[in-house]
Amino acid sequence: VYELERYSTPNEGFPVYLPDEMTLIKAEAHARLNQIPQARALVNAVRTDAVAQVNEPVAGLAALPDAALDTQAELLAEIARQRRYE
């Protein structure tokens, strides 16, 4: 069955973005502004997602400790890692 067939009627919802990608965009913006705590919280929100609003994969991972994401470089690397799976 073709994956997009479920969106074949005008009344079917059609996801136009993945919510976690939007969260990662916000996390990257905070990281580039050196707003480390805000960026870390958003990255961990993506990592710990266990339920999706749309048909998308969820990580269901443990949050990383503050020490693992306490620099801009560490945050940007983790954001890139999460994007590979997003």
PDB file of N, CA and C in Angstrom:
ATOM      1  N   VAL A   1       0.857  -1.187   0.000  1.00  0.00           N
ATOM      2  CA  VAL A   1       0.000   0.000   0.000  1.00  0.00           C
ATOM      3  C   VAL A   1       0.893   1.237   0.000  1.00  0.00           C
ATOM      4  N   TYR A   2       0.578   2.140  -0.912  1.00  0.00           N
ATOM      5  CA  TYR A   2       1.327   3.381  -1.014  1.00  0.00           C
ATOM      6  C   TYR A   2       1.081   4.221   0.236  1.00  0.00           C
ATOM      7  N   GLU A   3       2.126   4.683   0.881  1.00  0.00           N
ATOM      8  CA  GLU A   3       2.053   5.385   2.167  1.00  0.00           C
ATOM      9  C   GLU A   3       1.123   6.595   2.149  1.00  0.00           C
ATOM     10  N   LEU A   4       1.087   7.350   1.082  1.00  0.00           N
ATOM     11  CA  LEU A   4       0.277   8.572   1.056  1.00  0.00           C
ATOM     12  C   LEU A   4      -1.178   8.335   0.665  1.00  0.00           C
ATOM     13  N   GLU A   5      -1.561   7.084   0.396  1.00  0.00           N
ATOM     14  CA  GLU A   5      -2.949   6.808   0.044  1.00  0.00           C
ATOM     15  C   GLU A   5      -3.914   7.200   1.154  1.00  0.00           C
ATOM     16  N   ARG A   6      -3.455   7.191   2.399  1.00  0.00           N
ATOM     17  CA  ARG A   6      -4.351   7.549   3.498  1.00  0.00           C
ATOM     18  C   ARG A   6      -4.762   9.020   3.440  1.00  0.00           C
ATOM     19  N   TYR A   7      -4.104   9.815   2.622  1.00  0.00           N
ATOM     20  CA  TYR A   7      -4.441  11.230   2.473  1.00  0.00           C
ATOM     21  C   TYR A   7      -5.188  11.491   1.163  1.00  0.00           C
ATOM     22  N   SER A   8      -5.878  10.496   0.659  1.00  0.00           N
ATOM     23  CA  SER A   8      -6.486  10.611  -0.657  1.00  0.00           C
ATOM     24  C   SER A   8      -7.845  11.307  -0.665  1.00  0.00           C
ATOM     25  N   THR A   9      -8.453  11.535   0.494  1.00  0.00           N
ATOM     26  CA  THR A   9      -9.744  12.225   0.518  1.00  0.00           C
ATOM     27  C   THR A   9      -9.555  13.644   1.042  1.00  0.00           C
ATOM     28  N   PRO A  10     -10.425  14.558   0.644  1.00  0.00           N
ATOM     29  CA  PRO A  10     -10.279  15.960   1.052  1.00  0.00           C
ATOM     30  C   PRO A  10     -10.399  16.185   2.565  1.00  0.00           C
ATOM     31  N   ASN A  11     -10.968  15.248   3.291  1.00  0.00           N
ATOM     32  CA  ASN A  11     -11.177  15.431   4.725  1.00  0.00           C
ATOM     33  C   ASN A  11     -10.054  14.868   5.587  1.00  0.00           C
ATOM     34  N   GLU A  12      -9.100  14.222   4.977  1.00  0.00           N
ATOM     35  CA  GLU A  12      -7.986  13.649   5.718  1.00  0.00           C
ATOM     36  C   GLU A  12      -6.983  14.742   6.081  1.00  0.00           C
ATOM     37  N   GLY A  13      -6.503  14.693   7.313  1.00  0.00           N
ATOM     38  CA  GLY A  13      -5.443  15.613   7.710  1.00  0.00           C
ATOM     39  C   GLY A  13      -4.144  15.255   7.018  1.00  0.00           C
ATOM     40  N   PHE A  14      -3.341  16.232   6.705  1.00  0.00           N
ATOM     41  CA  PHE A  14      -2.072  15.992   6.028  1.00  0.00           C
ATOM     42  C   PHE A  14      -0.984  16.780   6.745  1.00  0.00           C
ATOM     43  N   PRO A  15      -0.044  16.090   7.393  1.00  0.00           N
ATOM     44  CA  PRO A  15       1.013  16.813   8.105  1.00  0.00           C
ATOM     45  C   PRO A  15       1.931  17.538   7.120  1.00  0.00           C
ATOM     46  N   VAL A  16       2.140  18.814   7.341  1.00  0.00           N
ATOM     47  CA  VAL A  16       3.007  19.569   6.445  1.00  0.00           C
ATOM     48  C   VAL A  16       4.367  19.843   7.077  1.00  0.00           C
ATOM     49  N   TYR A  17       4.541  19.462   8.312  1.00  0.00           N
ATOM     50  CA  TYR A  17       5.827  19.587   8.985  1.00  0.00           C
ATOM     51  C   TYR A  17       5.883  18.565  10.100  1.00  0.00           C
ATOM     52  N   LEU A  18       7.054  18.285  10.577  1.00  0.00           N
ATOM     53  CA  LEU A  18       7.213  17.412  11.724  1.00  0.00           C
ATOM     54  C   LEU A  18       7.460  18.282  12.948  1.00  0.00           C
ATOM     55  N   PRO A  19       6.623  18.143  13.963  1.00  0.00           N
ATOM     56  CA  PRO A  19       6.737  19.013  15.148  1.00  0.00           C
ATOM     57  C   PRO A  19       8.129  19.012  15.782  1.00  0.00           C
ATOM     58  N   ASP A  20       8.788  17.863  15.820  1.00  0.00           N
ATOM     59  CA  ASP A  20      10.116  17.837  16.444  1.00  0.00           C
ATOM     60  C   ASP A  20      11.150  18.620  15.644  1.00  0.00           C
ATOM     61  N   GLU A  21      10.987  18.690  14.326  1.00  0.00           N
ATOM     62  CA  GLU A  21      11.912  19.509  13.534  1.00  0.00           C
ATOM     63  C   GLU A  21      11.757  20.976  13.906  1.00  0.00           C
ATOM     64  N   MET A  22      10.531  21.404  14.143  1.00  0.00           N
ATOM     65  CA  MET A  22      10.311  22.794  14.570  1.00  0.00           C
ATOM     66  C   MET A  22      10.991  23.039  15.921  1.00  0.00           C
ATOM     67  N   THR A  23      10.907  22.069  16.806  1.00  0.00           N
ATOM     68  CA  THR A  23      11.561  22.186  18.115  1.00  0.00           C
ATOM     69  C   THR A  23      13.071  22.253  17.944  1.00  0.00           C
ATOM     70  N   LEU A  24      13.616  21.461  17.026  1.00  0.00           N
ATOM     71  CA  LEU A  24      15.065  21.493  16.792  1.00  0.00           C
ATOM     72  C   LEU A  24      15.505  22.816  16.170  1.00  0.00           C
ATOM     73  N   ILE A  25      14.662  23.420  15.345  1.00  0.00           N
ATOM     74  CA  ILE A  25      14.979  24.744  14.794  1.00  0.00           C
ATOM     75  C   ILE A  25      15.067  25.760  15.927  1.00  0.00           C
ATOM     76  N   LYS A  26      14.125  25.706  16.858  1.00  0.00           N
ATOM     77  CA  LYS A  26      14.166  26.613  18.015  1.00  0.00           C
ATOM     78  C   LYS A  26      15.407  26.342  18.861  1.00  0.00           C
ATOM     79  N   ALA A  27      15.719  25.065  19.069  1.00  0.00           N
ATOM     80  CA  ALA A  27      16.897  24.711  19.862  1.00  0.00           C
ATOM     81  C   ALA A  27      18.166  25.252  19.219  1.00  0.00           C
ATOM     82  N   GLU A  28      18.264  25.136  17.902  1.00  0.00           N
ATOM     83  CA  GLU A  28      19.448  25.652  17.209  1.00  0.00           C
ATOM     84  C   GLU A  28      19.553  27.163  17.355  1.00  0.00           C
ATOM     85  N   ALA A  29      18.429  27.854  17.249  1.00  0.00           N
ATOM     86  CA  ALA A  29      18.450  29.315  17.410  1.00  0.00           C
ATOM     87  C   ALA A  29      18.941  29.690  18.805  1.00  0.00           C
ATOM     88  N   HIS A  30      18.425  29.017  19.825  1.00  0.00           N
ATOM     89  CA  HIS A  30      18.882  29.296  21.199  1.00  0.00           C
ATOM     90  C   HIS A  30      20.368  28.970  21.349  1.00  0.00           C
ATOM     91  N   ALA A  31      20.794  27.854  20.775  1.00  0.00           N
ATOM     92  CA  ALA A  31      22.205  27.470  20.893  1.00  0.00           C
ATOM     93  C   ALA A  31      23.108  28.509  20.237  1.00  0.00           C
ATOM     94  N   ARG A  32      22.729  28.974  19.071  1.00  0.00           N
ATOM     95  CA  ARG A  32      23.565  29.955  18.367  1.00  0.00           C
ATOM     96  C   ARG A  32      23.582  31.311  19.069  1.00  0.00           C
ATOM     97  N   LEU A  33      22.565  31.562  19.910  1.00  0.00           N
ATOM     98  CA  LEU A  33      22.545  32.784  20.719  1.00  0.00           C
ATOM     99  C   LEU A  33      23.175  32.556  22.099  1.00  0.00           C
ATOM    100  N   ASN A  34      23.789  31.386  22.275  1.00  0.00           N
ATOM    101  CA  ASN A  34      24.402  30.986  23.548  1.00  0.00           C
ATOM    102  C   ASN A  34      23.415  30.961  24.703  1.00  0.00           C
ATOM    103  N   GLN A  35      22.182  30.643  24.409  1.00  0.00           N
ATOM    104  CA  GLN A  35      21.152  30.456  25.433  1.00  0.00           C
ATOM    105  C   GLN A  35      21.098  28.953  25.724  1.00  0.00           C
ATOM    106  N   ILE A  36      22.136  28.510  26.416  1.00  0.00           N
ATOM    107  CA  ILE A  36      22.375  27.078  26.611  1.00  0.00           C
ATOM    108  C   ILE A  36      21.221  26.370  27.337  1.00  0.00           C
ATOM    109  N   PRO A  37      20.722  26.879  28.468  1.00  0.00           N
ATOM    110  CA  PRO A  37      19.646  26.154  29.169  1.00  0.00           C
ATOM    111  C   PRO A  37      18.387  25.976  28.315  1.00  0.00           C
ATOM    112  N   GLN A  38      18.018  27.011  27.565  1.00  0.00           N
ATOM    113  CA  GLN A  38      16.830  26.910  26.723  1.00  0.00           C
ATOM    114  C   GLN A  38      17.040  25.885  25.609  1.00  0.00           C
ATOM    115  N   ALA A  39      18.208  25.922  24.982  1.00  0.00           N
ATOM    116  CA  ALA A  39      18.511  24.975  23.902  1.00  0.00           C
ATOM    117  C   ALA A  39      18.535  23.547  24.439  1.00  0.00           C
ATOM    118  N   ARG A  40      19.152  23.354  25.592  1.00  0.00           N
ATOM    119  CA  ARG A  40      19.237  22.018  26.205  1.00  0.00           C
ATOM    120  C   ARG A  40      17.844  21.471  26.492  1.00  0.00           C
ATOM    121  N   ALA A  41      16.972  22.302  27.028  1.00  0.00           N
ATOM    122  CA  ALA A  41      15.612  21.854  27.345  1.00  0.00           C
ATOM    123  C   ALA A  41      14.874  21.402  26.085  1.00  0.00           C
ATOM    124  N   LEU A  42      15.045  22.136  24.995  1.00  0.00           N
ATOM    125  CA  LEU A  42      14.368  21.770  23.751  1.00  0.00           C
ATOM    126  C   LEU A  42      14.935  20.482  23.155  1.00  0.00           C
ATOM    127  N   VAL A  43      16.245  20.326  23.192  1.00  0.00           N
ATOM    128  CA  VAL A  43      16.860  19.093  22.688  1.00  0.00           C
ATOM    129  C   VAL A  43      16.359  17.903  23.499  1.00  0.00           C
ATOM    130  N   ASN A  44      16.326  18.050  24.808  1.00  0.00           N
ATOM    131  CA  ASN A  44      15.856  16.949  25.643  1.00  0.00           C
ATOM    132  C   ASN A  44      14.368  16.687  25.452  1.00  0.00           C
ATOM    133  N   ALA A  45      13.604  17.709  25.112  1.00  0.00           N
ATOM    134  CA  ALA A  45      12.182  17.500  24.820  1.00  0.00           C
ATOM    135  C   ALA A  45      12.016  16.600  23.596  1.00  0.00           C
ATOM    136  N   VAL A  46      12.866  16.795  22.591  1.00  0.00           N
ATOM    137  CA  VAL A  46      12.815  15.947  21.395  1.00  0.00           C
ATOM    138  C   VAL A  46      13.264  14.529  21.743  1.00  0.00           C
ATOM    139  N   ARG A  47      14.336  14.410  22.506  1.00  0.00           N
ATOM    140  CA  ARG A  47      14.868  13.094  22.870  1.00  0.00           C
ATOM    141  C   ARG A  47      13.871  12.269  23.672  1.00  0.00           C
ATOM    142  N   THR A  48      13.129  12.906  24.549  1.00  0.00           N
ATOM    143  CA  THR A  48      12.266  12.161  25.464  1.00  0.00           C
ATOM    144  C   THR A  48      10.848  11.958  24.946  1.00  0.00           C
ATOM    145  N   ASP A  49      10.535  12.489  23.758  1.00  0.00           N
ATOM    146  CA  ASP A  49       9.208  12.268  23.190  1.00  0.00           C
ATOM    147  C   ASP A  49       8.906  10.779  23.109  1.00  0.00           C
ATOM    148  N   ALA A  50       7.732  10.404  23.605  1.00  0.00           N
ATOM    149  CA  ALA A  50       7.322   9.008  23.528  1.00  0.00           C
ATOM    150  C   ALA A  50       6.017   8.851  22.752  1.00  0.00           C
ATOM    151  N   VAL A  51       5.353   9.976  22.449  1.00  0.00           N
ATOM    152  CA  VAL A  51       4.086   9.959  21.718  1.00  0.00           C
ATOM    153  C   VAL A  51       4.150  11.039  20.652  1.00  0.00           C
ATOM    154  N   ALA A  52       3.686  10.727  19.453  1.00  0.00           N
ATOM    155  CA  ALA A  52       3.711  11.697  18.358  1.00  0.00           C
ATOM    156  C   ALA A  52       2.308  12.183  18.045  1.00  0.00           C
ATOM    157  N   GLN A  53       2.202  13.453  17.648  1.00  0.00           N
ATOM    158  CA  GLN A  53       0.920  14.007  17.238  1.00  0.00           C
ATOM    159  C   GLN A  53       0.552  13.581  15.824  1.00  0.00           C
ATOM    160  N   VAL A  54       1.536  13.326  15.017  1.00  0.00           N
ATOM    161  CA  VAL A  54       1.316  12.832  13.657  1.00  0.00           C
ATOM    162  C   VAL A  54       2.058  11.513  13.519  1.00  0.00           C
ATOM    163  N   ASN A  55       1.892  10.851  12.398  1.00  0.00           N
ATOM    164  CA  ASN A  55       2.533   9.566  12.176  1.00  0.00           C
ATOM    165  C   ASN A  55       4.012   9.787  11.898  1.00  0.00           C
ATOM    166  N   GLU A  56       4.776   9.912  12.969  1.00  0.00           N
ATOM    167  CA  GLU A  56       6.210  10.117  12.866  1.00  0.00           C
ATOM    168  C   GLU A  56       6.914   9.277  13.916  1.00  0.00           C
ATOM    169  N   PRO A  57       8.157   8.966  13.714  1.00  0.00           N
ATOM    170  CA  PRO A  57       8.875   8.199  14.732  1.00  0.00           C
ATOM    171  C   PRO A  57       9.117   9.051  15.972  1.00  0.00           C
ATOM    172  N   VAL A  58       9.191   8.408  17.105  1.00  0.00           N
ATOM    173  CA  VAL A  58       9.517   9.096  18.352  1.00  0.00           C
ATOM    174  C   VAL A  58      10.757   8.444  18.959  1.00  0.00           C
ATOM    175  N   ALA A  59      11.528   9.238  19.650  1.00  0.00           N
ATOM    176  CA  ALA A  59      12.788   8.733  20.188  1.00  0.00           C
ATOM    177  C   ALA A  59      12.577   7.896  21.445  1.00  0.00           C
ATOM    178  N   GLY A  60      11.864   8.445  22.422  1.00  0.00           N
ATOM    179  CA  GLY A  60      11.675   7.731  23.676  1.00  0.00           C
ATOM    180  C   GLY A  60      12.978   7.499  24.411  1.00  0.00           C
ATOM    181  N   LEU A  61      13.935   8.397  24.241  1.00  0.00           N
ATOM    182  CA  LEU A  61      15.242   8.275  24.884  1.00  0.00           C
ATOM    183  C   LEU A  61      15.265   9.016  26.208  1.00  0.00           C
ATOM    184  N   ALA A  62      16.253   8.740  26.995  1.00  0.00           N
ATOM    185  CA  ALA A  62      16.446   9.475  28.245  1.00  0.00           C
ATOM    186  C   ALA A  62      17.006  10.864  27.934  1.00  0.00           C
ATOM    187  N   ALA A  63      16.690  11.814  28.786  1.00  0.00           N
ATOM    188  CA  ALA A  63      17.268  13.152  28.648  1.00  0.00           C
ATOM    189  C   ALA A  63      18.767  13.075  28.921  1.00  0.00           C
ATOM    190  N   LEU A  64      19.511  13.887  28.210  1.00  0.00           N
ATOM    191  CA  LEU A  64      20.954  13.962  28.466  1.00  0.00           C
ATOM    192  C   LEU A  64      21.203  14.864  29.669  1.00  0.00           C
ATOM    193  N   PRO A  65      22.199  14.552  30.485  1.00  0.00           N
ATOM    194  CA  PRO A  65      22.504  15.401  31.639  1.00  0.00           C
ATOM    195  C   PRO A  65      23.058  16.757  31.193  1.00  0.00           C
ATOM    196  N   ASP A  66      22.932  17.739  32.058  1.00  0.00           N
ATOM    197  CA  ASP A  66      23.405  19.084  31.750  1.00  0.00           C
ATOM    198  C   ASP A  66      24.866  19.089  31.300  1.00  0.00           C
ATOM    199  N   ALA A  67      25.689  18.268  31.939  1.00  0.00           N
ATOM    200  CA  ALA A  67      27.118  18.243  31.616  1.00  0.00           C
ATOM    201  C   ALA A  67      27.375  17.763  30.188  1.00  0.00           C
ATOM    202  N   ALA A  68      26.464  17.003  29.610  1.00  0.00           N
ATOM    203  CA  ALA A  68      26.650  16.502  28.252  1.00  0.00           C
ATOM    204  C   ALA A  68      26.287  17.543  27.199  1.00  0.00           C
ATOM    205  N   LEU A  69      25.519  18.562  27.610  1.00  0.00           N
ATOM    206  CA  LEU A  69      25.079  19.602  26.681  1.00  0.00           C
ATOM    207  C   LEU A  69      25.317  20.976  27.286  1.00  0.00           C
ATOM    208  N   ASP A  70      26.544  21.241  27.686  1.00  0.00           N
ATOM    209  CA  ASP A  70      26.796  22.525  28.355  1.00  0.00           C
ATOM    210  C   ASP A  70      27.609  23.509  27.519  1.00  0.00           C
ATOM    211  N   THR A  71      27.852  23.164  26.255  1.00  0.00           N
ATOM    212  CA  THR A  71      28.521  24.109  25.355  1.00  0.00           C
ATOM    213  C   THR A  71      27.730  24.219  24.052  1.00  0.00           C
ATOM    214  N   GLN A  72      27.974  25.288  23.339  1.00  0.00           N
ATOM    215  CA  GLN A  72      27.308  25.481  22.058  1.00  0.00           C
ATOM    216  C   GLN A  72      27.661  24.348  21.097  1.00  0.00           C
ATOM    217  N   ALA A  73      28.918  23.962  21.055  1.00  0.00           N
ATOM    218  CA  ALA A  73      29.357  22.900  20.142  1.00  0.00           C
ATOM    219  C   ALA A  73      28.668  21.577  20.457  1.00  0.00           C
ATOM    220  N   GLU A  74      28.556  21.226  21.730  1.00  0.00           N
ATOM    221  CA  GLU A  74      27.880  19.978  22.109  1.00  0.00           C
ATOM    222  C   GLU A  74      26.404  20.020  21.714  1.00  0.00           C
ATOM    223  N   LEU A  75      25.774  21.160  21.933  1.00  0.00           N
ATOM    224  CA  LEU A  75      24.364  21.294  21.571  1.00  0.00           C
ATOM    225  C   LEU A  75      24.156  21.179  20.071  1.00  0.00           C
ATOM    226  N   LEU A  76      24.970  21.873  19.293  1.00  0.00           N
ATOM    227  CA  LEU A  76      24.823  21.822  17.838  1.00  0.00           C
ATOM    228  C   LEU A  76      25.073  20.413  17.305  1.00  0.00           C
ATOM    229  N   ALA A  77      26.009  19.691  17.901  1.00  0.00           N
ATOM    230  CA  ALA A  77      26.269  18.311  17.493  1.00  0.00           C
ATOM    231  C   ALA A  77      25.075  17.420  17.815  1.00  0.00           C
ATOM    232  N   GLU A  78      24.474  17.595  18.978  1.00  0.00           N
ATOM    233  CA  GLU A  78      23.309  16.774  19.345  1.00  0.00           C
ATOM    234  C   GLU A  78      22.097  17.136  18.499  1.00  0.00           C
ATOM    235  N   ILE A  79      21.936  18.412  18.173  1.00  0.00           N
ATOM    236  CA  ILE A  79      20.838  18.822  17.296  1.00  0.00           C
ATOM    237  C   ILE A  79      21.003  18.153  15.935  1.00  0.00           C
ATOM    238  N   ALA A  80      22.201  18.144  15.392  1.00  0.00           N
ATOM    239  CA  ALA A  80      22.465  17.490  14.109  1.00  0.00           C
ATOM    240  C   ALA A  80      22.182  15.993  14.205  1.00  0.00           C
ATOM    241  N   ARG A  81      22.572  15.371  15.312  1.00  0.00           N
ATOM    242  CA  ARG A  81      22.323  13.944  15.513  1.00  0.00           C
ATOM    243  C   ARG A  81      20.825  13.652  15.535  1.00  0.00           C
ATOM    244  N   GLN A  82      20.057  14.482  16.236  1.00  0.00           N
ATOM    245  CA  GLN A  82      18.610  14.273  16.321  1.00  0.00           C
ATOM    246  C   GLN A  82      17.937  14.510  14.959  1.00  0.00           C
ATOM    247  N   ARG A  83      18.475  15.430  14.200  1.00  0.00           N
ATOM    248  CA  ARG A  83      17.903  15.699  12.866  1.00  0.00           C
ATOM    249  C   ARG A  83      18.057  14.510  11.932  1.00  0.00           C
ATOM    250  N   ARG A  84      19.116  13.744  12.108  1.00  0.00           N
ATOM    251  CA  ARG A  84      19.298  12.553  11.263  1.00  0.00           C
ATOM    252  C   ARG A  84      18.137  11.585  11.444  1.00  0.00           C
ATOM    253  N   TYR A  85      17.591  11.533  12.634  1.00  0.00           N
ATOM    254  CA  TYR A  85      16.493  10.606  12.913  1.00  0.00           C
ATOM    255  C   TYR A  85      15.138  11.257  12.728  1.00  0.00           C
ATOM    256  N   GLU A  86      15.110  12.554  12.724  1.00  0.00           N
ATOM    257  CA  GLU A  86      13.864  13.283  12.561  1.00  0.00           C
ATOM    258  C   GLU A  86      13.428  13.222  11.121  1.00  0.00           C
TER     259      GLU A  86
END
